[in-house]
Protein backbone atom coordinates (compact mmCIF):
# COMPACT_ATOMS: atom_id res chain seq x y z
CA UNK A 1 32.02 -0.99 -26.65
CA UNK A 2 30.64 1.28 -23.95
CA UNK A 3 31.30 0.45 -20.31
CA UNK A 4 28.40 1.06 -17.92
CA UNK A 5 28.96 3.87 -15.46
CA UNK A 6 28.53 2.35 -11.96
CA UNK A 7 27.58 5.80 -10.68
CA UNK A 8 24.80 6.43 -13.19
CA UNK A 9 21.32 7.22 -11.91
CA UNK A 10 19.94 4.12 -13.62
CA UNK A 11 22.50 1.87 -11.94
CA UNK A 12 21.94 3.47 -8.54
CA UNK A 13 18.18 3.07 -8.90
CA UNK A 14 18.55 -0.59 -9.86
CA UNK A 15 20.85 -1.23 -6.89
CA UNK A 16 18.48 0.62 -4.55
CA UNK A 17 15.52 -1.43 -5.78
CA UNK A 18 17.47 -4.67 -5.34
CA UNK A 19 18.53 -3.64 -1.83
CA UNK A 20 14.94 -2.74 -0.91
CA UNK A 21 13.67 -6.09 -2.21
CA UNK A 22 16.33 -7.94 -0.21
CA UNK A 23 15.49 -5.98 2.93
CA UNK A 24 11.76 -6.70 2.51
CA UNK A 25 12.49 -10.42 2.08
CA UNK A 26 14.64 -10.38 5.23
CA UNK A 27 11.86 -8.65 7.21
CA UNK A 28 9.36 -11.32 6.13
CA UNK A 29 11.80 -14.10 7.07
CA UNK A 30 12.54 -12.64 10.52
CA UNK A 31 8.87 -11.95 11.32
CA UNK A 32 7.87 -15.41 10.16
CA UNK A 33 10.60 -17.06 12.23
CA UNK A 34 9.69 -15.17 15.42
CA UNK A 35 5.91 -15.56 15.14
CA UNK A 36 5.64 -19.07 13.68
CA UNK A 37 4.38 -21.51 16.34
CA UNK A 38 6.97 -24.05 15.16
CA UNK A 39 9.99 -21.75 15.54
CA UNK A 40 8.99 -18.77 17.66
CA UNK A 41 9.95 -18.43 21.28
CA UNK A 42 7.26 -18.21 23.97
CA UNK A 43 7.80 -14.45 24.43
CA UNK A 44 6.95 -13.56 20.82
CA UNK A 45 4.14 -16.09 20.54
CA UNK A 46 2.46 -14.65 23.67
CA UNK A 47 3.12 -11.11 22.44
CA UNK A 48 1.36 -11.90 19.16
CA UNK A 49 -1.73 -13.08 21.04
CA UNK A 50 -1.96 -9.70 22.77
CA UNK A 51 -1.61 -7.68 19.55
CA UNK A 52 -5.02 -8.48 18.15
CA UNK A 53 -3.57 -8.90 14.65
CA UNK A 54 -1.35 -11.46 12.94
CA UNK A 55 2.22 -10.15 12.44
CA UNK A 56 3.03 -12.76 9.77
CA UNK A 57 0.12 -11.56 7.67
CA UNK A 58 0.38 -7.81 8.36
CA UNK A 59 4.13 -7.20 8.22
CA UNK A 60 5.28 -7.82 4.68
CA UNK A 61 8.00 -5.22 4.16
CA UNK A 62 10.36 -2.86 5.96
CA UNK A 63 7.99 0.09 5.63
CA UNK A 64 5.38 -1.81 7.68
CA UNK A 65 7.44 -1.28 10.84
């Protein structure tokens, strides 16, 4: 039986992809929370009105920052 090398390129790539997916999900959750009329604070809701675009629709991942 061969034991997987935790330092292999394949393993590192898989962990990096999983971390990126988790980060993107967190970004969506935070943006949604701040800019949702039901949960957002007045500052962020007013800020969104001045942007001219909808943050919850436009920001979908970390690289959208």
